Amino acid sequence: MGTLSRADVAHVAHLARLGLREEELARLEGELNHILDQYAILARLATDAIPPTAQTIALENILREDVARPSLPVDVALGNAPDRQGDHLVVPAILGGDGGGG
């Protein structure tokens, strides 16, 4: 695989509208060439027998079952609420000014 020159890196930076200093261009030239070298190594691997996959590790559900069970009584759940209206918590409106909710 070919290597990127300083001019290549400067051109890509220009296309991305990045204003890079000379020391940044030099650093990125080395880093990008290292990435390309690593890709070249990976490209040589025989992967024809490996099926395509979207997930490389086994997935498992780490959540508990969703089982209905008794919850707090309303008076306990809203006991420290600064403002309530019946069984509901009252909060300031964040959209619109009429509090109409629609």
C-alpha atoms as a PDB file:
ATOM      1  CA  MET A   1       0.000   0.000   0.000  1.00  0.00           C
ATOM      2  CA  GLY A   2       1.324   3.430  -0.884  1.00  0.00           C
ATOM      3  CA  THR A   3       2.185   6.050   1.656  1.00  0.00           C
ATOM      4  CA  LEU A   4       0.703   9.491   2.061  1.00  0.00           C
ATOM      5  CA  SER A   5       2.960  12.450   1.433  1.00  0.00           C
ATOM      6  CA  ARG A   6       2.848  15.706   3.361  1.00  0.00           C
ATOM      7  CA  ALA A   7       1.099  17.214   0.322  1.00  0.00           C
ATOM      8  CA  ASP A   8      -1.578  14.459   0.456  1.00  0.00           C
ATOM      9  CA  VAL A   9      -2.233  15.174   4.130  1.00  0.00           C
ATOM     10  CA  ALA A  10      -2.351  18.930   3.492  1.00  0.00           C
ATOM     11  CA  HIS A  11      -4.800  18.380   0.620  1.00  0.00           C
ATOM     12  CA  VAL A  12      -7.139  16.244   2.748  1.00  0.00           C
ATOM     13  CA  ALA A  13      -6.922  18.804   5.557  1.00  0.00           C
ATOM     14  CA  HIS A  14      -7.824  21.537   3.067  1.00  0.00           C
ATOM     15  CA  LEU A  15     -10.826  19.529   1.807  1.00  0.00           C
ATOM     16  CA  ALA A  16     -11.970  19.057   5.411  1.00  0.00           C
ATOM     17  CA  ARG A  17     -11.489  22.779   6.011  1.00  0.00           C
ATOM     18  CA  LEU A  18      -8.920  22.120   8.731  1.00  0.00           C
ATOM     19  CA  GLY A  19      -6.323  24.781   9.329  1.00  0.00           C
ATOM     20  CA  LEU A  20      -3.344  22.706  10.426  1.00  0.00           C
ATOM     21  CA  ARG A  21       0.101  23.956  11.391  1.00  0.00           C
ATOM     22  CA  GLU A  22       3.253  22.346   9.972  1.00  0.00           C
ATOM     23  CA  GLU A  23       3.892  20.308  13.137  1.00  0.00           C
ATOM     24  CA  GLU A  24       0.315  19.002  13.028  1.00  0.00           C
ATOM     25  CA  LEU A  25       0.716  18.020   9.378  1.00  0.00           C
ATOM     26  CA  ALA A  26       3.938  16.183  10.211  1.00  0.00           C
ATOM     27  CA  ARG A  27       2.313  14.326  13.114  1.00  0.00           C
ATOM     28  CA  LEU A  28      -0.765  13.399  11.070  1.00  0.00           C
ATOM     29  CA  GLU A  29       1.376  12.254   8.151  1.00  0.00           C
ATOM     30  CA  GLY A  30       3.061   9.730  10.439  1.00  0.00           C
ATOM     31  CA  GLU A  31      -0.177   8.665  12.149  1.00  0.00           C
ATOM     32  CA  LEU A  32      -2.106   8.223   8.904  1.00  0.00           C
ATOM     33  CA  ASN A  33       0.719   6.240   7.321  1.00  0.00           C
ATOM     34  CA  HIS A  34       0.830   4.012  10.412  1.00  0.00           C
ATOM     35  CA  ILE A  35      -2.917   3.384  10.059  1.00  0.00           C
ATOM     36  CA  LEU A  36      -2.469   2.500   6.380  1.00  0.00           C
ATOM     37  CA  ASP A  37       0.390   0.115   7.270  1.00  0.00           C
ATOM     38  CA  GLN A  38      -1.820  -1.634   9.820  1.00  0.00           C
ATOM     39  CA  TYR A  39      -4.641  -1.890   7.280  1.00  0.00           C
ATOM     40  CA  ALA A  40      -2.244  -3.459   4.759  1.00  0.00           C
ATOM     41  CA  ILE A  41      -1.410  -6.160   7.319  1.00  0.00           C
ATOM     42  CA  LEU A  42      -5.103  -6.845   7.939  1.00  0.00           C
ATOM     43  CA  ALA A  43      -5.837  -6.882   4.191  1.00  0.00           C
ATOM     44  CA  ARG A  44      -3.453  -9.830   3.759  1.00  0.00           C
ATOM     45  CA  LEU A  45      -5.488 -12.044   6.098  1.00  0.00           C
ATOM     46  CA  ALA A  46      -7.499 -14.828   4.489  1.00  0.00           C
ATOM     47  CA  THR A  47     -11.086 -14.036   5.404  1.00  0.00           C
ATOM     48  CA  ASP A  48     -12.951 -15.937   2.673  1.00  0.00           C
ATOM     49  CA  ALA A  49     -14.092 -18.650   5.105  1.00  0.00           C
ATOM     50  CA  ILE A  50     -15.336 -16.151   7.697  1.00  0.00           C
ATOM     51  CA  PRO A  51     -19.029 -15.304   7.311  1.00  0.00           C
ATOM     52  CA  PRO A  52     -20.014 -11.631   7.458  1.00  0.00           C
ATOM     53  CA  THR A  53     -21.172 -10.558  10.881  1.00  0.00           C
ATOM     54  CA  ALA A  54     -22.533  -7.431  12.499  1.00  0.00           C
ATOM     55  CA  GLN A  55     -21.674  -8.548  16.025  1.00  0.00           C
ATOM     56  CA  THR A  56     -18.341 -10.052  17.005  1.00  0.00           C
ATOM     57  CA  ILE A  57     -19.154 -10.978  20.586  1.00  0.00           C
ATOM     58  CA  ALA A  58     -22.077 -12.919  21.991  1.00  0.00           C
ATOM     59  CA  LEU A  59     -24.929 -10.785  23.231  1.00  0.00           C
ATOM     60  CA  GLU A  60     -26.819 -11.496  26.387  1.00  0.00           C
ATOM     61  CA  ASN A  61     -29.667  -9.697  28.032  1.00  0.00           C
ATOM     62  CA  ILE A  62     -28.419  -8.167  31.273  1.00  0.00           C
ATOM     63  CA  LEU A  63     -31.791  -6.783  32.264  1.00  0.00           C
ATOM     64  CA  ARG A  64     -34.187  -8.453  34.620  1.00  0.00           C
ATOM     65  CA  GLU A  65     -37.574  -9.711  33.478  1.00  0.00           C
ATOM     66  CA  ASP A  66     -40.219  -7.011  33.369  1.00  0.00           C
ATOM     67  CA  VAL A  67     -42.582  -8.315  36.020  1.00  0.00           C
ATOM     68  CA  ALA A  68     -45.457  -6.310  37.435  1.00  0.00           C
ATOM     69  CA  ARG A  69     -45.194  -5.917  41.189  1.00  0.00           C
ATOM     70  CA  PRO A  70     -46.552  -3.563  43.840  1.00  0.00           C
ATOM     71  CA  SER A  71     -45.077  -0.080  43.811  1.00  0.00           C
ATOM     72  CA  LEU A  72     -45.004   2.802  46.253  1.00  0.00           C
ATOM     73  CA  PRO A  73     -48.292   4.305  47.315  1.00  0.00           C
ATOM     74  CA  VAL A  74     -48.943   7.665  45.626  1.00  0.00           C
ATOM     75  CA  ASP A  75     -48.671   9.601  48.901  1.00  0.00           C
ATOM     76  CA  VAL A  76     -45.215   8.134  49.575  1.00  0.00           C
ATOM     77  CA  ALA A  77     -43.984   8.613  46.001  1.00  0.00           C
ATOM     78  CA  LEU A  78     -45.108  12.256  45.919  1.00  0.00           C
ATOM     79  CA  GLY A  79     -44.451  12.965  49.587  1.00  0.00           C
ATOM     80  CA  ASN A  80     -41.495  15.290  48.925  1.00  0.00           C
ATOM     81  CA  ALA A  81     -42.872  16.823  45.721  1.00  0.00           C
ATOM     82  CA  PRO A  82     -42.719  20.623  45.809  1.00  0.00           C
ATOM     83  CA  ASP A  83     -46.077  20.888  44.038  1.00  0.00           C
ATOM     84  CA  ARG A  84     -48.716  18.338  43.246  1.00  0.00           C
ATOM     85  CA  GLN A  85     -52.240  18.264  41.958  1.00  0.00           C
ATOM     86  CA  GLY A  86     -54.094  15.204  43.179  1.00  0.00           C
ATOM     87  CA  ASP A  87     -52.037  12.163  42.172  1.00  0.00           C
ATOM     88  CA  HIS A  88     -49.821  14.133  39.782  1.00  0.00           C
ATOM     89  CA  LEU A  89     -46.549  16.018  40.124  1.00  0.00           C
ATOM     90  CA  VAL A  90     -46.792  19.622  38.889  1.00  0.00           C
ATOM     91  CA  VAL A  91     -43.776  21.052  37.032  1.00  0.00           C
ATOM     92  CA  PRO A  92     -43.269  24.360  35.229  1.00  0.00           C
ATOM     93  CA  ALA A  93     -44.164  24.416  31.530  1.00  0.00           C
ATOM     94  CA  ILE A  94     -41.125  24.244  29.249  1.00  0.00           C
ATOM     95  CA  LEU A  95     -42.885  24.629  25.896  1.00  0.00           C
ATOM     96  CA  GLY A  96     -45.394  27.348  25.167  1.00  0.00           C
ATOM     97  CA  GLY A  97     -46.774  29.557  27.869  1.00  0.00           C
ATOM     98  CA  ASP A  98     -50.273  28.303  28.486  1.00  0.00           C
ATOM     99  CA  GLY A  99     -49.416  24.949  30.040  1.00  0.00           C
ATOM    100  CA  GLY A 100     -51.978  23.367  27.723  1.00  0.00           C
ATOM    101  CA  GLY A 101     -49.680  20.416  26.957  1.00  0.00           C
ATOM    102  CA  GLY A 102     -50.425  20.364  23.280  1.00  0.00           C
END
